[in-house]
Amino acid sequence: MGGDGKVFTLAQVSEHNTPKDCWLIISGKVYDVTRFLEDHPGGDDVLVSATGKDATDDFEDVGHSENARGMLKDFYVGEIDASTIPKSTTYTPPKQPNYNQDKTSEFIIKLLQFLVPIAILGLAFGIRLYAKSS
């Protein structure tokens, strides 16, 4: 299956995202792997989940054999227009409230306001029991 130098956008490739029509982008090339889904050793879900994005990292991370790399030419349909693939972004953690040292001291004060009177009552009760028993 030759691609005849056809160039696809990410949006065009992303339309092929089902087990009946599955295209992948690997190393700037577009592959129609639909007929390979049943034979893929990792299962068809792995391939279908890699659609709609640049799957190069997914492909490389698995450590495919030279034989597997050679099979790609049988599924080649064209090139990807690299300008349509978003640049990879760095991970940005979700916004969380800043740790407020003052709130910690407020908690300790409230805890002490609860515990100190209980301790005083316990001490008074203990002294009273001790005085009665003497």
N, C-alpha and C. Protein backbone atom coordinates (compact mmCIF):
# COMPACT_ATOMS: atom_id res chain seq x y z
N MET A 1 0.86 -1.17 0.00
CA MET A 1 0.00 0.00 0.00
C MET A 1 0.90 1.22 0.00
N GLY A 2 1.05 1.89 -1.09
CA GLY A 2 1.91 3.06 -1.17
C GLY A 2 1.12 4.32 -0.92
N GLY A 3 1.79 5.30 -0.33
CA GLY A 3 1.11 6.54 -0.01
C GLY A 3 1.22 7.57 -1.12
N ASP A 4 2.10 7.33 -2.11
CA ASP A 4 2.30 8.24 -3.23
C ASP A 4 2.59 9.66 -2.77
N GLY A 5 3.31 9.81 -1.66
CA GLY A 5 3.71 11.12 -1.18
C GLY A 5 2.57 11.97 -0.65
N LYS A 6 1.45 11.38 -0.33
CA LYS A 6 0.31 12.14 0.19
C LYS A 6 0.65 12.68 1.57
N VAL A 7 0.22 13.91 1.83
CA VAL A 7 0.46 14.55 3.13
C VAL A 7 -0.88 14.76 3.82
N PHE A 8 -0.94 14.31 5.07
CA PHE A 8 -2.17 14.38 5.86
C PHE A 8 -1.97 15.34 7.04
N THR A 9 -3.08 15.92 7.46
CA THR A 9 -3.05 16.73 8.68
C THR A 9 -3.41 15.82 9.86
N LEU A 10 -3.11 16.29 11.06
CA LEU A 10 -3.46 15.51 12.25
C LEU A 10 -4.97 15.30 12.30
N ALA A 11 -5.75 16.30 11.92
CA ALA A 11 -7.21 16.17 11.94
C ALA A 11 -7.67 15.06 11.00
N GLN A 12 -7.06 14.96 9.84
CA GLN A 12 -7.44 13.92 8.88
C GLN A 12 -7.10 12.53 9.43
N VAL A 13 -5.91 12.41 9.99
CA VAL A 13 -5.49 11.11 10.53
C VAL A 13 -6.35 10.74 11.73
N SER A 14 -6.72 11.74 12.53
CA SER A 14 -7.51 11.49 13.75
C SER A 14 -8.89 10.93 13.46
N GLU A 15 -9.38 11.13 12.24
CA GLU A 15 -10.69 10.58 11.87
C GLU A 15 -10.66 9.05 11.78
N HIS A 16 -9.49 8.49 11.66
CA HIS A 16 -9.32 7.03 11.51
C HIS A 16 -8.93 6.46 12.88
N ASN A 17 -9.91 6.33 13.78
CA ASN A 17 -9.62 6.00 15.17
C ASN A 17 -10.47 4.88 15.73
N THR A 18 -10.86 3.94 14.88
CA THR A 18 -11.69 2.82 15.34
C THR A 18 -11.03 1.50 14.92
N PRO A 19 -11.47 0.40 15.50
CA PRO A 19 -10.92 -0.90 15.09
C PRO A 19 -11.21 -1.25 13.63
N LYS A 20 -12.18 -0.60 13.02
CA LYS A 20 -12.49 -0.86 11.61
C LYS A 20 -11.72 0.07 10.67
N ASP A 21 -11.07 1.09 11.25
CA ASP A 21 -10.34 2.08 10.45
C ASP A 21 -9.32 2.77 11.38
N CYS A 22 -8.10 2.25 11.42
CA CYS A 22 -7.12 2.69 12.41
C CYS A 22 -5.82 3.15 11.75
N TRP A 23 -5.53 4.46 11.89
CA TRP A 23 -4.30 5.03 11.34
C TRP A 23 -3.43 5.53 12.49
N LEU A 24 -2.13 5.38 12.31
CA LEU A 24 -1.17 5.83 13.31
C LEU A 24 -0.14 6.76 12.69
N ILE A 25 0.41 7.65 13.51
CA ILE A 25 1.51 8.52 13.10
C ILE A 25 2.75 8.05 13.87
N ILE A 26 3.76 7.63 13.12
CA ILE A 26 5.00 7.17 13.72
C ILE A 26 6.16 7.78 12.94
N SER A 27 6.97 8.54 13.63
CA SER A 27 8.17 9.16 13.03
C SER A 27 7.84 9.97 11.78
N GLY A 28 6.77 10.73 11.84
CA GLY A 28 6.41 11.62 10.74
C GLY A 28 5.73 10.94 9.58
N LYS A 29 5.44 9.67 9.70
CA LYS A 29 4.77 8.93 8.62
C LYS A 29 3.40 8.44 9.12
N VAL A 30 2.49 8.27 8.18
CA VAL A 30 1.14 7.82 8.51
C VAL A 30 0.98 6.39 8.03
N TYR A 31 0.45 5.55 8.93
CA TYR A 31 0.27 4.12 8.63
C TYR A 31 -1.17 3.72 8.90
N ASP A 32 -1.76 2.97 7.95
CA ASP A 32 -3.08 2.39 8.12
C ASP A 32 -2.87 0.97 8.63
N VAL A 33 -3.04 0.77 9.94
CA VAL A 33 -2.76 -0.53 10.56
C VAL A 33 -4.02 -1.35 10.79
N THR A 34 -5.12 -0.96 10.15
CA THR A 34 -6.39 -1.63 10.36
C THR A 34 -6.30 -3.14 10.14
N ARG A 35 -5.68 -3.57 9.07
CA ARG A 35 -5.63 -5.00 8.78
C ARG A 35 -4.65 -5.75 9.67
N PHE A 36 -3.85 -5.03 10.48
CA PHE A 36 -2.88 -5.65 11.38
C PHE A 36 -3.42 -5.77 12.81
N LEU A 37 -4.56 -5.14 13.09
CA LEU A 37 -5.07 -5.10 14.46
C LEU A 37 -5.21 -6.48 15.09
N GLU A 38 -5.78 -7.43 14.36
CA GLU A 38 -6.00 -8.76 14.91
C GLU A 38 -4.69 -9.50 15.16
N ASP A 39 -3.65 -9.17 14.41
CA ASP A 39 -2.37 -9.88 14.53
C ASP A 39 -1.40 -9.20 15.49
N HIS A 40 -1.72 -8.00 15.93
CA HIS A 40 -0.78 -7.26 16.79
C HIS A 40 -0.61 -8.01 18.12
N PRO A 41 0.63 -8.33 18.50
CA PRO A 41 0.87 -9.09 19.73
C PRO A 41 0.37 -8.40 21.00
N GLY A 42 0.32 -7.09 21.00
CA GLY A 42 -0.15 -6.35 22.17
C GLY A 42 -1.64 -6.14 22.20
N GLY A 43 -2.35 -6.63 21.19
CA GLY A 43 -3.80 -6.46 21.12
C GLY A 43 -4.16 -5.21 20.34
N ASP A 44 -5.40 -5.18 19.86
CA ASP A 44 -5.84 -4.04 19.04
C ASP A 44 -6.08 -2.78 19.86
N ASP A 45 -6.41 -2.93 21.15
CA ASP A 45 -6.67 -1.75 21.98
C ASP A 45 -5.45 -0.83 22.06
N VAL A 46 -4.28 -1.43 22.09
CA VAL A 46 -3.05 -0.64 22.19
C VAL A 46 -2.92 0.27 20.97
N LEU A 47 -3.19 -0.27 19.80
CA LEU A 47 -3.07 0.52 18.58
C LEU A 47 -4.17 1.56 18.48
N VAL A 48 -5.39 1.19 18.78
CA VAL A 48 -6.51 2.13 18.69
C VAL A 48 -6.31 3.28 19.67
N SER A 49 -5.77 2.99 20.84
CA SER A 49 -5.56 4.05 21.83
C SER A 49 -4.46 5.02 21.42
N ALA A 50 -3.63 4.66 20.45
CA ALA A 50 -2.55 5.53 19.99
C ALA A 50 -2.96 6.40 18.82
N THR A 51 -4.23 6.34 18.41
CA THR A 51 -4.69 7.17 17.30
C THR A 51 -4.91 8.60 17.75
N GLY A 52 -4.93 9.52 16.79
CA GLY A 52 -5.24 10.91 17.08
C GLY A 52 -4.10 11.71 17.68
N LYS A 53 -2.91 11.13 17.68
CA LYS A 53 -1.74 11.81 18.23
C LYS A 53 -0.50 11.25 17.55
N ASP A 54 0.64 11.83 17.85
CA ASP A 54 1.90 11.29 17.36
C ASP A 54 2.24 10.09 18.24
N ALA A 55 2.20 8.90 17.68
CA ALA A 55 2.41 7.67 18.44
C ALA A 55 3.86 7.22 18.44
N THR A 56 4.77 8.08 18.01
CA THR A 56 6.18 7.70 17.93
C THR A 56 6.72 7.24 19.27
N ASP A 57 6.47 8.01 20.33
CA ASP A 57 6.98 7.63 21.65
C ASP A 57 6.40 6.30 22.11
N ASP A 58 5.11 6.09 21.87
CA ASP A 58 4.48 4.82 22.23
C ASP A 58 5.16 3.66 21.51
N PHE A 59 5.43 3.86 20.23
CA PHE A 59 6.07 2.82 19.42
C PHE A 59 7.49 2.54 19.90
N GLU A 60 8.24 3.60 20.16
CA GLU A 60 9.64 3.45 20.57
C GLU A 60 9.76 2.88 21.98
N ASP A 61 8.86 3.25 22.88
CA ASP A 61 8.94 2.80 24.27
C ASP A 61 8.80 1.29 24.40
N VAL A 62 8.09 0.68 23.47
CA VAL A 62 7.86 -0.77 23.54
C VAL A 62 9.11 -1.55 23.14
N GLY A 63 9.95 -0.94 22.32
CA GLY A 63 11.16 -1.63 21.88
C GLY A 63 10.86 -2.65 20.79
N HIS A 64 10.23 -2.23 19.73
CA HIS A 64 9.89 -3.12 18.63
C HIS A 64 11.15 -3.68 17.95
N SER A 65 11.02 -4.88 17.45
CA SER A 65 12.13 -5.54 16.75
C SER A 65 12.33 -4.91 15.37
N GLU A 66 13.46 -5.25 14.75
CA GLU A 66 13.71 -4.78 13.38
C GLU A 66 12.66 -5.35 12.43
N ASN A 67 12.20 -6.55 12.70
CA ASN A 67 11.16 -7.17 11.88
C ASN A 67 9.87 -6.34 11.95
N ALA A 68 9.51 -5.91 13.17
CA ALA A 68 8.30 -5.10 13.34
C ALA A 68 8.46 -3.76 12.64
N ARG A 69 9.66 -3.18 12.73
CA ARG A 69 9.90 -1.90 12.05
C ARG A 69 9.81 -2.08 10.53
N GLY A 70 10.29 -3.20 10.05
CA GLY A 70 10.23 -3.47 8.62
C GLY A 70 8.81 -3.65 8.12
N MET A 71 7.93 -4.15 8.98
CA MET A 71 6.54 -4.35 8.60
C MET A 71 5.81 -3.03 8.35
N LEU A 72 6.30 -1.95 8.93
CA LEU A 72 5.62 -0.67 8.79
C LEU A 72 5.45 -0.26 7.33
N LYS A 73 6.43 -0.59 6.50
CA LYS A 73 6.35 -0.17 5.09
C LYS A 73 5.10 -0.74 4.40
N ASP A 74 4.62 -1.88 4.88
CA ASP A 74 3.42 -2.48 4.29
C ASP A 74 2.15 -1.69 4.62
N PHE A 75 2.22 -0.85 5.64
CA PHE A 75 1.04 -0.12 6.09
C PHE A 75 1.12 1.37 5.79
N TYR A 76 2.18 1.82 5.16
CA TYR A 76 2.43 3.23 4.89
C TYR A 76 1.39 3.81 3.94
N VAL A 77 0.83 4.97 4.32
CA VAL A 77 -0.13 5.65 3.44
C VAL A 77 0.29 7.07 3.10
N GLY A 78 1.24 7.64 3.83
CA GLY A 78 1.69 8.99 3.51
C GLY A 78 2.47 9.62 4.65
N GLU A 79 2.63 10.93 4.55
CA GLU A 79 3.39 11.70 5.53
C GLU A 79 2.42 12.54 6.36
N ILE A 80 2.88 12.99 7.51
CA ILE A 80 2.07 13.88 8.34
C ILE A 80 2.59 15.30 8.18
N ASP A 81 1.70 16.24 8.10
CA ASP A 81 2.08 17.65 8.09
C ASP A 81 2.44 18.01 9.53
N ALA A 82 3.74 18.10 9.81
CA ALA A 82 4.22 18.29 11.18
C ALA A 82 3.69 19.57 11.82
N SER A 83 3.33 20.55 11.00
CA SER A 83 2.83 21.81 11.57
C SER A 83 1.44 21.64 12.20
N THR A 84 0.77 20.51 11.93
CA THR A 84 -0.56 20.29 12.50
C THR A 84 -0.51 19.51 13.81
N ILE A 85 0.69 19.05 14.18
CA ILE A 85 0.84 18.32 15.44
C ILE A 85 1.25 19.31 16.51
N PRO A 86 0.48 19.40 17.60
CA PRO A 86 0.84 20.35 18.65
C PRO A 86 2.20 20.00 19.26
N LYS A 87 2.93 21.02 19.62
CA LYS A 87 4.21 20.80 20.28
C LYS A 87 3.95 20.12 21.61
N SER A 88 4.85 19.24 22.00
CA SER A 88 4.66 18.56 23.28
C SER A 88 4.77 19.58 24.40
N THR A 89 3.91 19.43 25.34
CA THR A 89 3.88 20.36 26.46
C THR A 89 4.47 19.70 27.69
N THR A 90 5.02 20.50 28.55
CA THR A 90 5.54 19.95 29.79
C THR A 90 4.40 19.81 30.77
N TYR A 91 4.54 18.90 31.67
CA TYR A 91 3.51 18.63 32.66
C TYR A 91 3.38 19.82 33.60
N THR A 92 2.16 20.30 33.75
CA THR A 92 1.87 21.38 34.69
C THR A 92 0.94 20.82 35.74
N PRO A 93 1.41 20.74 36.98
CA PRO A 93 0.54 20.17 38.02
C PRO A 93 -0.67 21.06 38.27
N PRO A 94 -1.76 20.48 38.72
CA PRO A 94 -2.96 21.27 38.97
C PRO A 94 -2.71 22.28 40.09
N LYS A 95 -3.41 23.41 39.99
CA LYS A 95 -3.27 24.44 41.02
C LYS A 95 -3.82 23.92 42.34
N GLN A 96 -3.04 24.12 43.37
CA GLN A 96 -3.46 23.76 44.71
C GLN A 96 -3.24 24.97 45.60
N PRO A 97 -4.06 25.09 46.63
CA PRO A 97 -3.86 26.22 47.52
C PRO A 97 -2.49 26.13 48.19
N ASN A 98 -1.89 27.27 48.38
CA ASN A 98 -0.59 27.31 49.04
C ASN A 98 -0.72 26.87 50.48
N TYR A 99 0.31 26.21 50.95
CA TYR A 99 0.36 25.79 52.34
C TYR A 99 0.47 27.04 53.20
N ASN A 100 -0.43 27.22 54.12
CA ASN A 100 -0.46 28.44 54.93
C ASN A 100 -0.05 28.10 56.35
N GLN A 101 1.12 28.54 56.72
CA GLN A 101 1.66 28.27 58.04
C GLN A 101 0.73 28.81 59.13
N ASP A 102 0.10 29.96 58.85
CA ASP A 102 -0.78 30.57 59.84
C ASP A 102 -1.97 29.68 60.19
N LYS A 103 -2.50 28.98 59.20
CA LYS A 103 -3.64 28.11 59.47
C LYS A 103 -3.22 26.96 60.38
N THR A 104 -1.98 26.52 60.26
CA THR A 104 -1.50 25.46 61.12
C THR A 104 -1.47 25.94 62.56
N SER A 105 -0.99 27.14 62.77
CA SER A 105 -0.96 27.66 64.14
C SER A 105 -2.37 27.89 64.65
N GLU A 106 -3.30 28.27 63.80
CA GLU A 106 -4.70 28.41 64.21
C GLU A 106 -5.26 27.08 64.69
N PHE A 107 -4.92 26.02 63.97
CA PHE A 107 -5.38 24.69 64.35
C PHE A 107 -4.82 24.30 65.71
N ILE A 108 -3.54 24.55 65.91
CA ILE A 108 -2.91 24.20 67.19
C ILE A 108 -3.56 24.99 68.33
N ILE A 109 -3.84 26.26 68.12
CA ILE A 109 -4.49 27.08 69.15
C ILE A 109 -5.86 26.53 69.48
N LYS A 110 -6.64 26.18 68.46
CA LYS A 110 -7.98 25.63 68.70
C LYS A 110 -7.89 24.30 69.43
N LEU A 111 -6.90 23.49 69.06
CA LEU A 111 -6.71 22.21 69.73
C LEU A 111 -6.35 22.42 71.20
N LEU A 112 -5.47 23.35 71.45
CA LEU A 112 -5.09 23.65 72.84
C LEU A 112 -6.26 24.23 73.62
N GLN A 113 -7.08 25.06 72.98
CA GLN A 113 -8.25 25.62 73.66
C GLN A 113 -9.22 24.52 74.06
N PHE A 114 -9.19 23.42 73.37
CA PHE A 114 -10.05 22.29 73.70
C PHE A 114 -9.39 21.39 74.75
N LEU A 115 -8.10 21.12 74.58
CA LEU A 115 -7.41 20.17 75.46
C LEU A 115 -7.05 20.72 76.83
N VAL A 116 -6.65 21.99 76.93
CA VAL A 116 -6.22 22.56 78.21
C VAL A 116 -7.35 22.53 79.24
N PRO A 117 -8.57 22.98 78.91
CA PRO A 117 -9.63 22.89 79.92
C PRO A 117 -9.92 21.45 80.35
N ILE A 118 -9.85 20.50 79.40
CA ILE A 118 -10.07 19.10 79.75
C ILE A 118 -8.96 18.63 80.70
N ALA A 119 -7.73 19.03 80.42
CA ALA A 119 -6.62 18.65 81.29
C ALA A 119 -6.80 19.24 82.68
N ILE A 120 -7.23 20.49 82.77
CA ILE A 120 -7.46 21.14 84.07
C ILE A 120 -8.57 20.42 84.84
N LEU A 121 -9.66 20.08 84.15
CA LEU A 121 -10.74 19.33 84.81
C LEU A 121 -10.26 17.98 85.31
N GLY A 122 -9.49 17.31 84.47
CA GLY A 122 -8.95 16.01 84.88
C GLY A 122 -8.04 16.15 86.08
N LEU A 123 -7.21 17.14 86.11
CA LEU A 123 -6.30 17.38 87.23
C LEU A 123 -7.10 17.72 88.49
N ALA A 124 -8.10 18.58 88.38
CA ALA A 124 -8.92 18.94 89.53
C ALA A 124 -9.65 17.72 90.07
N PHE A 125 -10.20 16.91 89.18
CA PHE A 125 -10.90 15.71 89.59
C PHE A 125 -9.94 14.76 90.30
N GLY A 126 -8.73 14.61 89.76
CA GLY A 126 -7.72 13.74 90.38
C GLY A 126 -7.32 14.23 91.76
N ILE A 127 -7.14 15.52 91.92
CA ILE A 127 -6.77 16.08 93.22
C ILE A 127 -7.91 15.87 94.23
N ARG A 128 -9.13 16.05 93.77
CA ARG A 128 -10.27 15.87 94.66
C ARG A 128 -10.36 14.42 95.12
N LEU A 129 -10.18 13.46 94.22
CA LEU A 129 -10.21 12.06 94.58
C LEU A 129 -9.07 11.74 95.56
N TYR A 130 -7.93 12.30 95.32
CA TYR A 130 -6.77 12.06 96.17
C TYR A 130 -7.03 12.63 97.58
N ALA A 131 -7.66 13.82 97.64
CA ALA A 131 -7.95 14.45 98.93
C ALA A 131 -8.97 13.65 99.70
N LYS A 132 -9.96 13.06 99.03
CA LYS A 132 -10.99 12.27 99.71
C LYS A 132 -10.41 10.98 100.26
N SER A 133 -9.47 10.42 99.52
CA SER A 133 -8.93 9.14 99.95
C SER A 133 -7.90 9.29 101.07
N SER A 134 -7.41 10.49 101.35
CA SER A 134 -6.41 10.69 102.41
C SER A 134 -7.04 10.92 103.74
